[in-house]
Structures are given as structure tokens and as C-alpha cells.
């Protein structure tokens, strides 16, 4: 059991970029809090219009707190996994996904603050698709390294039934996520509603394609 996943000081030290980004979010919230308006944008519709708001406190700290919660969840959830011993086999990939998610949330938070402080309202419609696209590309690069587990990766009935199907599906899904990422990036430069349509098409193709592929792979490897 020596090789089972454990949170160690060495692991936390390797996560310093994610922890610095998370800390920077809280510092920005504290510094900018007095300058924020009473209502801070919290949600935009597909036309790029603000349709929901936080009060000042939650506008400053909701996203940092949420990001911290996501980071802690990613650290802790492997302890619940019956395949906990497999996590060290893709430790680097799991670390990079933690970093990618923290940086993604940081970009969303920074964009929200800029808009709240008087920046262009349509900034979100350009920055968010770019950020999502880069996150998909990062995840796509590391998905093929994921080893069999019950929390991280593509979990269909067929990948969970056969480790060879898991391996083949994650290799395929890596390419699918990268393609979806580039579609998001292109969407960032298109006018509405084309940006919205392409932004939806990317993940839909990746998800549906991966599900279908996992089923076909299962049919090929099963007697």
C-alpha cells in the first residue's frame, strides 16, 4: 500500500503555482473590495449581457472561495476511490489538471473584476471562450495519461467495465478535447450567435464522440 495516493508536503510544494494563483485571487479581492460597486456581475447570458449580480462581498470572494473548494475537493476525492492506488501512476497529469482549473477560475475572476470596475461588458464574451478552450486543450493533453479510477476521466459503463477500453477511450478523448478546445478559441472571435453555437458544438462533439467510441471499443475488445 506504499504507492497509494497520499497528500504529502512534497505534493503541496509541487502545487505552488496553483496555490500562488489561489492566494492572488484572495489578495485581489481584499485590495479591490473598497473599489467594487454594490452589485458585481455574477452571470452573463449567451448574448454577453449581465443577467445576475452578487453583492459586494460575494462579488469579491465567491469565486476565490469556490476555487479553493474545487482545489481541496480534487486533493481529497482520491481517498474515496477504490482505485486509489492508481493515482500515483498519473500524478503529473492530475497535478496539471488541478493547476489548469485554478488558473481557469482565476481568469474568470479577473475578468469579472475588470468588468465590475468599469471595463467593457463584452470582455467576458471574448475571454471566457478563450479560457475554456485552453482548459480543454490542457485536459486533452493529459487525459490519455489517466489510469483506471472512479472519479477522474471518462467514466462510461464500458470504460469502467474494461481497462483496455479505458485506455483506448482516453487516448481518443484526448484528441476530442483538444479539438473542442480549438473550436472554443475560434468561437471567441466570432459574432453572436455563431460564437454561442460553435461553443456548444465543441464539447457536444467531444462528449458524444467519446461515449460512442467507448461503446465501439468495448464491442471490439469483448468476446
C-alpha atoms as a PDB file:
ATOM      1  CA  UNK A   1       0.000   0.000   0.000  1.00  0.00           C
ATOM      2  CA  UNK A   2       3.060   2.276  -0.043  1.00  0.00           C
ATOM      3  CA  UNK A   3       2.216   3.527  -3.512  1.00  0.00           C
ATOM      4  CA  UNK A   4      -1.337   4.554  -2.669  1.00  0.00           C
ATOM      5  CA  UNK A   5      -2.309   8.188  -3.149  1.00  0.00           C
ATOM      6  CA  UNK A   6      -1.455  10.368  -0.155  1.00  0.00           C
ATOM      7  CA  UNK A   7      -1.378  14.128   0.370  1.00  0.00           C
ATOM      8  CA  UNK A   8       2.192  14.951   1.338  1.00  0.00           C
ATOM      9  CA  UNK A   9       4.224  18.084   1.883  1.00  0.00           C
ATOM     10  CA  UNK A  10       6.100  17.306  -1.322  1.00  0.00           C
ATOM     11  CA  UNK A  11       2.837  17.181  -3.284  1.00  0.00           C
ATOM     12  CA  UNK A  12       1.664  20.503  -1.857  1.00  0.00           C
ATOM     13  CA  UNK A  13       5.060  22.051  -2.607  1.00  0.00           C
ATOM     14  CA  UNK A  14       4.766  20.943  -6.239  1.00  0.00           C
ATOM     15  CA  UNK A  15       1.382  22.660  -6.366  1.00  0.00           C
ATOM     16  CA  UNK A  16       2.947  26.063  -5.631  1.00  0.00           C
ATOM     17  CA  UNK A  17       1.777  27.658  -8.939  1.00  0.00           C
ATOM     18  CA  UNK A  18      -1.846  26.724  -8.187  1.00  0.00           C
ATOM     19  CA  UNK A  19      -1.542  27.870  -4.576  1.00  0.00           C
ATOM     20  CA  UNK A  20       0.016  31.181  -5.614  1.00  0.00           C
ATOM     21  CA  UNK A  21      -2.781  31.773  -8.129  1.00  0.00           C
ATOM     22  CA  UNK A  22      -5.379  30.942  -5.481  1.00  0.00           C
ATOM     23  CA  UNK A  23      -3.707  33.255  -2.978  1.00  0.00           C
ATOM     24  CA  UNK A  24      -3.566  36.035  -5.572  1.00  0.00           C
ATOM     25  CA  UNK A  25      -7.333  35.775  -6.017  1.00  0.00           C
ATOM     26  CA  UNK A  26      -7.934  36.365  -2.309  1.00  0.00           C
ATOM     27  CA  UNK A  27      -5.399  39.208  -2.203  1.00  0.00           C
ATOM     28  CA  UNK A  28      -7.064  40.870  -5.208  1.00  0.00           C
ATOM     29  CA  UNK A  29     -10.448  40.565  -3.521  1.00  0.00           C
ATOM     30  CA  UNK A  30      -9.168  42.188  -0.333  1.00  0.00           C
ATOM     31  CA  UNK A  31      -7.359  45.024  -2.128  1.00  0.00           C
ATOM     32  CA  UNK A  32     -10.152  45.807  -4.584  1.00  0.00           C
ATOM     33  CA  UNK A  33     -13.056  45.339  -2.182  1.00  0.00           C
ATOM     34  CA  UNK A  34     -13.383  49.074  -1.316  1.00  0.00           C
ATOM     35  CA  UNK A  35     -13.483  49.972  -5.017  1.00  0.00           C
ATOM     36  CA  UNK A  36     -16.095  47.430  -6.069  1.00  0.00           C
ATOM     37  CA  UNK A  37     -19.667  48.602  -6.715  1.00  0.00           C
ATOM     38  CA  UNK A  38     -22.529  47.400  -4.543  1.00  0.00           C
ATOM     39  CA  UNK A  39     -23.557  44.989  -7.298  1.00  0.00           C
ATOM     40  CA  UNK A  40     -20.893  42.868  -9.014  1.00  0.00           C
ATOM     41  CA  UNK A  41     -21.698  40.920 -12.216  1.00  0.00           C
ATOM     42  CA  UNK A  42     -22.193  37.233 -11.452  1.00  0.00           C
ATOM     43  CA  UNK A  43     -23.592  35.776 -14.675  1.00  0.00           C
ATOM     44  CA  UNK A  44     -23.866  36.627 -18.371  1.00  0.00           C
ATOM     45  CA  UNK A  45     -26.389  35.273 -20.876  1.00  0.00           C
ATOM     46  CA  UNK A  46     -25.427  33.913 -24.296  1.00  0.00           C
ATOM     47  CA  UNK A  47     -25.652  37.445 -25.755  1.00  0.00           C
ATOM     48  CA  UNK A  48     -22.967  38.631 -23.352  1.00  0.00           C
ATOM     49  CA  UNK A  49     -25.388  40.631 -21.198  1.00  0.00           C
ATOM     50  CA  UNK A  50     -25.197  40.593 -17.394  1.00  0.00           C
ATOM     51  CA  UNK A  51     -28.335  38.913 -16.032  1.00  0.00           C
ATOM     52  CA  UNK A  52     -27.412  38.275 -12.399  1.00  0.00           C
ATOM     53  CA  UNK A  53     -25.362  40.002  -9.705  1.00  0.00           C
ATOM     54  CA  UNK A  54     -23.509  39.350  -6.442  1.00  0.00           C
ATOM     55  CA  UNK A  55     -23.459  41.847  -3.626  1.00  0.00           C
ATOM     56  CA  UNK A  56     -20.057  43.407  -2.994  1.00  0.00           C
ATOM     57  CA  UNK A  57     -18.824  40.790  -0.503  1.00  0.00           C
ATOM     58  CA  UNK A  58     -19.707  37.792  -2.619  1.00  0.00           C
ATOM     59  CA  UNK A  59     -18.514  39.575  -5.736  1.00  0.00           C
ATOM     60  CA  UNK A  60     -15.098  39.876  -4.113  1.00  0.00           C
ATOM     61  CA  UNK A  61     -14.858  36.429  -2.532  1.00  0.00           C
ATOM     62  CA  UNK A  62     -17.336  33.945  -4.057  1.00  0.00           C
ATOM     63  CA  UNK A  63     -15.019  32.837  -6.870  1.00  0.00           C
ATOM     64  CA  UNK A  64     -11.870  32.623  -4.699  1.00  0.00           C
ATOM     65  CA  UNK A  65     -13.783  30.536  -2.140  1.00  0.00           C
ATOM     66  CA  UNK A  66     -15.260  28.352  -4.871  1.00  0.00           C
ATOM     67  CA  UNK A  67     -11.818  27.864  -6.401  1.00  0.00           C
ATOM     68  CA  UNK A  68     -10.359  26.898  -3.044  1.00  0.00           C
ATOM     69  CA  UNK A  69     -13.185  24.398  -2.591  1.00  0.00           C
ATOM     70  CA  UNK A  70     -12.560  22.860  -6.018  1.00  0.00           C
ATOM     71  CA  UNK A  71      -8.843  22.557  -5.290  1.00  0.00           C
ATOM     72  CA  UNK A  72      -9.462  20.874  -1.923  1.00  0.00           C
ATOM     73  CA  UNK A  73     -12.022  18.534  -3.475  1.00  0.00           C
ATOM     74  CA  UNK A  74      -9.528  17.455  -6.131  1.00  0.00           C
ATOM     75  CA  UNK A  75      -6.959  16.764  -3.413  1.00  0.00           C
ATOM     76  CA  UNK A  76      -9.307  14.793  -1.171  1.00  0.00           C
ATOM     77  CA  UNK A  77     -11.554  12.826  -3.521  1.00  0.00           C
ATOM     78  CA  UNK A  78      -8.904  10.183  -4.410  1.00  0.00           C
ATOM     79  CA  UNK A  79      -9.077   9.000  -0.790  1.00  0.00           C
ATOM     80  CA  UNK A  80     -12.623   7.790  -1.517  1.00  0.00           C
ATOM     81  CA  UNK A  81     -11.674   5.992  -4.725  1.00  0.00           C
ATOM     82  CA  UNK A  82     -11.480   2.160  -4.595  1.00  0.00           C
ATOM     83  CA  UNK A  83      -8.696   2.520  -7.193  1.00  0.00           C
ATOM     84  CA  UNK A  84      -6.748   4.972  -5.037  1.00  0.00           C
ATOM     85  CA  UNK A  85      -3.504   3.094  -5.755  1.00  0.00           C
ATOM     86  CA  UNK A  86      -3.670   4.143  -9.421  1.00  0.00           C
ATOM     87  CA  UNK A  87      -3.444   7.897  -8.813  1.00  0.00           C
ATOM     88  CA  UNK A  88       0.356   7.964  -8.352  1.00  0.00           C
ATOM     89  CA  UNK A  89       0.597   6.455 -11.841  1.00  0.00           C
ATOM     90  CA  UNK A  90      -0.793   9.674 -13.338  1.00  0.00           C
ATOM     91  CA  UNK A  91       0.309  12.081 -10.633  1.00  0.00           C
ATOM     92  CA  UNK A  92       1.734  14.662 -13.053  1.00  0.00           C
ATOM     93  CA  UNK A  93      -1.447  14.712 -15.151  1.00  0.00           C
ATOM     94  CA  UNK A  94      -3.642  15.109 -12.070  1.00  0.00           C
ATOM     95  CA  UNK A  95      -1.425  17.926 -10.807  1.00  0.00           C
ATOM     96  CA  UNK A  96      -1.689  19.771 -14.127  1.00  0.00           C
ATOM     97  CA  UNK A  97      -5.482  19.446 -14.132  1.00  0.00           C
ATOM     98  CA  UNK A  98      -5.582  20.968 -10.631  1.00  0.00           C
ATOM     99  CA  UNK A  99      -3.413  23.832 -11.860  1.00  0.00           C
ATOM    100  CA  UNK A 100      -5.472  24.300 -15.016  1.00  0.00           C
ATOM    101  CA  UNK A 101      -8.748  24.537 -13.119  1.00  0.00           C
ATOM    102  CA  UNK A 102      -7.353  27.048 -10.616  1.00  0.00           C
ATOM    103  CA  UNK A 103      -5.917  29.211 -13.405  1.00  0.00           C
ATOM    104  CA  UNK A 104      -9.188  28.992 -15.336  1.00  0.00           C
ATOM    105  CA  UNK A 105     -11.156  30.182 -12.311  1.00  0.00           C
ATOM    106  CA  UNK A 106      -8.572  32.914 -11.788  1.00  0.00           C
ATOM    107  CA  UNK A 107      -9.079  34.198 -15.333  1.00  0.00           C
ATOM    108  CA  UNK A 108     -12.866  34.223 -14.873  1.00  0.00           C
ATOM    109  CA  UNK A 109     -12.448  36.070 -11.583  1.00  0.00           C
ATOM    110  CA  UNK A 110     -10.054  38.643 -13.026  1.00  0.00           C
ATOM    111  CA  UNK A 111     -12.383  39.273 -15.956  1.00  0.00           C
ATOM    112  CA  UNK A 112     -15.331  39.735 -13.603  1.00  0.00           C
ATOM    113  CA  UNK A 113     -13.389  42.274 -11.542  1.00  0.00           C
ATOM    114  CA  UNK A 114     -12.353  44.226 -14.642  1.00  0.00           C
ATOM    115  CA  UNK A 115     -15.974  44.446 -15.813  1.00  0.00           C
ATOM    116  CA  UNK A 116     -17.192  45.373 -12.319  1.00  0.00           C
ATOM    117  CA  UNK A 117     -14.651  48.209 -12.178  1.00  0.00           C
ATOM    118  CA  UNK A 118     -15.835  49.715 -15.448  1.00  0.00           C
ATOM    119  CA  UNK A 119     -14.255  47.562 -18.131  1.00  0.00           C
ATOM    120  CA  UNK A 120     -16.139  46.631 -21.314  1.00  0.00           C
ATOM    121  CA  UNK A 121     -19.111  44.363 -20.578  1.00  0.00           C
ATOM    122  CA  UNK A 122     -18.443  42.258 -23.679  1.00  0.00           C
ATOM    123  CA  UNK A 123     -14.982  41.320 -22.376  1.00  0.00           C
ATOM    124  CA  UNK A 124     -16.432  38.151 -20.868  1.00  0.00           C
ATOM    125  CA  UNK A 125     -17.722  37.005 -24.250  1.00  0.00           C
ATOM    126  CA  UNK A 126     -14.169  37.050 -25.582  1.00  0.00           C
ATOM    127  CA  UNK A 127     -12.118  35.948 -22.585  1.00  0.00           C
ATOM    128  CA  UNK A 128     -14.279  33.071 -21.345  1.00  0.00           C
ATOM    129  CA  UNK A 129     -14.299  31.054 -24.619  1.00  0.00           C
ATOM    130  CA  UNK A 130     -10.525  31.517 -24.860  1.00  0.00           C
ATOM    131  CA  UNK A 131     -10.074  30.335 -21.277  1.00  0.00           C
ATOM    132  CA  UNK A 132     -12.405  27.369 -21.757  1.00  0.00           C
ATOM    133  CA  UNK A 133     -10.615  26.447 -24.972  1.00  0.00           C
ATOM    134  CA  UNK A 134      -7.203  26.488 -23.307  1.00  0.00           C
ATOM    135  CA  UNK A 135      -8.547  24.430 -20.394  1.00  0.00           C
ATOM    136  CA  UNK A 136      -9.960  21.826 -22.797  1.00  0.00           C
ATOM    137  CA  UNK A 137      -6.630  21.652 -24.637  1.00  0.00           C
ATOM    138  CA  UNK A 138      -4.742  21.189 -21.372  1.00  0.00           C
ATOM    139  CA  UNK A 139      -7.120  18.463 -20.181  1.00  0.00           C
ATOM    140  CA  UNK A 140      -6.984  16.811 -23.597  1.00  0.00           C
ATOM    141  CA  UNK A 141      -3.200  16.646 -23.414  1.00  0.00           C
ATOM    142  CA  UNK A 142      -3.281  14.849 -20.074  1.00  0.00           C
ATOM    143  CA  UNK A 143      -6.403  12.653 -20.373  1.00  0.00           C
ATOM    144  CA  UNK A 144      -4.510   9.806 -22.106  1.00  0.00           C
ATOM    145  CA  UNK A 145      -2.297   9.513 -19.011  1.00  0.00           C
ATOM    146  CA  UNK A 146      -5.248   8.863 -16.664  1.00  0.00           C
ATOM    147  CA  UNK A 147      -5.248   5.374 -15.194  1.00  0.00           C
ATOM    148  CA  UNK A 148      -8.322   3.411 -14.220  1.00  0.00           C
ATOM    149  CA  UNK A 149     -10.254   5.130 -11.409  1.00  0.00           C
ATOM    150  CA  UNK A 150     -13.796   6.118 -10.472  1.00  0.00           C
ATOM    151  CA  UNK A 151     -13.543   9.916 -10.213  1.00  0.00           C
ATOM    152  CA  UNK A 152     -11.263  11.408 -12.867  1.00  0.00           C
ATOM    153  CA  UNK A 153     -11.587  10.785 -16.581  1.00  0.00           C
ATOM    154  CA  UNK A 154     -14.181   9.324 -18.937  1.00  0.00           C
ATOM    155  CA  UNK A 155     -16.493   7.126 -16.887  1.00  0.00           C
ATOM    156  CA  UNK A 156     -18.958   5.296 -19.109  1.00  0.00           C
ATOM    157  CA  UNK A 157     -20.321   1.788 -18.424  1.00  0.00           C
ATOM    158  CA  UNK A 158     -17.815   0.450 -20.949  1.00  0.00           C
ATOM    159  CA  UNK A 159     -14.662   2.207 -19.719  1.00  0.00           C
ATOM    160  CA  UNK A 160     -15.459   1.126 -16.150  1.00  0.00           C
ATOM    161  CA  UNK A 161     -16.016  -2.464 -17.275  1.00  0.00           C
ATOM    162  CA  UNK A 162     -12.704  -2.957 -19.057  1.00  0.00           C
ATOM    163  CA  UNK A 163      -9.294  -1.346 -18.516  1.00  0.00           C
ATOM    164  CA  UNK A 164      -8.294  -1.760 -22.167  1.00  0.00           C
ATOM    165  CA  UNK A 165     -11.445   0.133 -23.179  1.00  0.00           C
ATOM    166  CA  UNK A 166     -10.488   2.782 -20.599  1.00  0.00           C
ATOM    167  CA  UNK A 167      -7.028   3.141 -22.146  1.00  0.00           C
ATOM    168  CA  UNK A 168      -8.277   3.365 -25.741  1.00  0.00           C
ATOM    169  CA  UNK A 169     -11.117   5.742 -24.878  1.00  0.00           C
ATOM    170  CA  UNK A 170      -8.851   8.153 -23.013  1.00  0.00           C
ATOM    171  CA  UNK A 171      -6.430   8.237 -25.906  1.00  0.00           C
ATOM    172  CA  UNK A 172      -9.337   9.116 -28.219  1.00  0.00           C
ATOM    173  CA  UNK A 173     -10.901  11.605 -25.804  1.00  0.00           C
ATOM    174  CA  UNK A 174      -7.608  13.468 -25.543  1.00  0.00           C
ATOM    175  CA  UNK A 175      -7.817  14.324 -29.244  1.00  0.00           C
ATOM    176  CA  UNK A 176     -11.544  15.084 -28.932  1.00  0.00           C
ATOM    177  CA  UNK A 177     -10.987  17.541 -26.080  1.00  0.00           C
ATOM    178  CA  UNK A 178      -8.165  19.273 -27.939  1.00  0.00           C
ATOM    179  CA  UNK A 179     -10.424  19.675 -30.990  1.00  0.00           C
ATOM    180  CA  UNK A 180     -13.194  21.078 -28.783  1.00  0.00           C
ATOM    181  CA  UNK A 181     -10.671  23.460 -27.233  1.00  0.00           C
ATOM    182  CA  UNK A 182      -9.682  24.880 -30.597  1.00  0.00           C
ATOM    183  CA  UNK A 183     -13.357  25.262 -31.506  1.00  0.00           C
ATOM    184  CA  UNK A 184     -13.868  27.324 -28.349  1.00  0.00           C
ATOM    185  CA  UNK A 185     -10.898  29.520 -29.241  1.00  0.00           C
ATOM    186  CA  UNK A 186     -12.286  30.157 -32.727  1.00  0.00           C
ATOM    187  CA  UNK A 187     -15.691  30.921 -31.168  1.00  0.00           C
ATOM    188  CA  UNK A 188     -14.098  33.715 -29.133  1.00  0.00           C
ATOM    189  CA  UNK A 189     -13.549  35.683 -32.350  1.00  0.00           C
ATOM    190  CA  UNK A 190     -16.970  35.122 -33.924  1.00  0.00           C
ATOM    191  CA  UNK A 191     -20.019  37.390 -33.591  1.00  0.00           C
ATOM    192  CA  UNK A 192     -23.169  36.135 -31.864  1.00  0.00           C
ATOM    193  CA  UNK A 193     -24.914  33.797 -32.280  1.00  0.00           C
ATOM    194  CA  UNK A 194     -22.191  31.945 -34.198  1.00  0.00           C
ATOM    195  CA  UNK A 195     -19.881  32.081 -31.171  1.00  0.00           C
ATOM    196  CA  UNK A 196     -22.551  30.502 -28.972  1.00  0.00           C
ATOM    197  CA  UNK A 197     -23.358  27.762 -31.500  1.00  0.00           C
ATOM    198  CA  UNK A 198     -19.716  26.830 -32.069  1.00  0.00           C
ATOM    199  CA  UNK A 199     -19.019  26.989 -28.348  1.00  0.00           C
ATOM    200  CA  UNK A 200     -21.789  24.449 -27.732  1.00  0.00           C
ATOM    201  CA  UNK A 201     -20.832  22.271 -30.686  1.00  0.00           C
ATOM    202  CA  UNK A 202     -17.261  21.726 -29.468  1.00  0.00           C
ATOM    203  CA  UNK A 203     -17.981  19.993 -26.154  1.00  0.00           C
ATOM    204  CA  UNK A 204     -21.061  18.256 -27.601  1.00  0.00           C
ATOM    205  CA  UNK A 205     -18.939  16.643 -30.312  1.00  0.00           C
ATOM    206  CA  UNK A 206     -16.240  15.711 -27.784  1.00  0.00           C
ATOM    207  CA  UNK A 207     -18.660  14.182 -25.272  1.00  0.00           C
ATOM    208  CA  UNK A 208     -20.904  12.351 -27.731  1.00  0.00           C
ATOM    209  CA  UNK A 209     -17.943  11.177 -29.794  1.00  0.00           C
ATOM    210  CA  UNK A 210     -16.187   9.840 -26.696  1.00  0.00           C
ATOM    211  CA  UNK A 211     -19.284   7.985 -25.475  1.00  0.00           C
ATOM    212  CA  UNK A 212     -19.824   6.371 -28.877  1.00  0.00           C
ATOM    213  CA  UNK A 213     -16.134   5.493 -29.169  1.00  0.00           C
ATOM    214  CA  UNK A 214     -16.074   3.842 -25.728  1.00  0.00           C
ATOM    215  CA  UNK A 215     -19.021   1.645 -26.713  1.00  0.00           C
ATOM    216  CA  UNK A 216     -17.416   0.658 -30.026  1.00  0.00           C
ATOM    217  CA  UNK A 217     -14.098  -0.041 -28.287  1.00  0.00           C
ATOM    218  CA  UNK A 218     -15.901  -2.274 -25.794  1.00  0.00           C
ATOM    219  CA  UNK A 219     -17.534  -4.196 -28.644  1.00  0.00           C
ATOM    220  CA  UNK A 220     -14.118  -4.696 -30.252  1.00  0.00           C
ATOM    221  CA  UNK A 221     -12.272  -5.960 -27.175  1.00  0.00           C
ATOM    222  CA  UNK A 222     -15.088  -8.019 -25.632  1.00  0.00           C
ATOM    223  CA  UNK A 223     -15.677 -11.589 -26.763  1.00  0.00           C
END
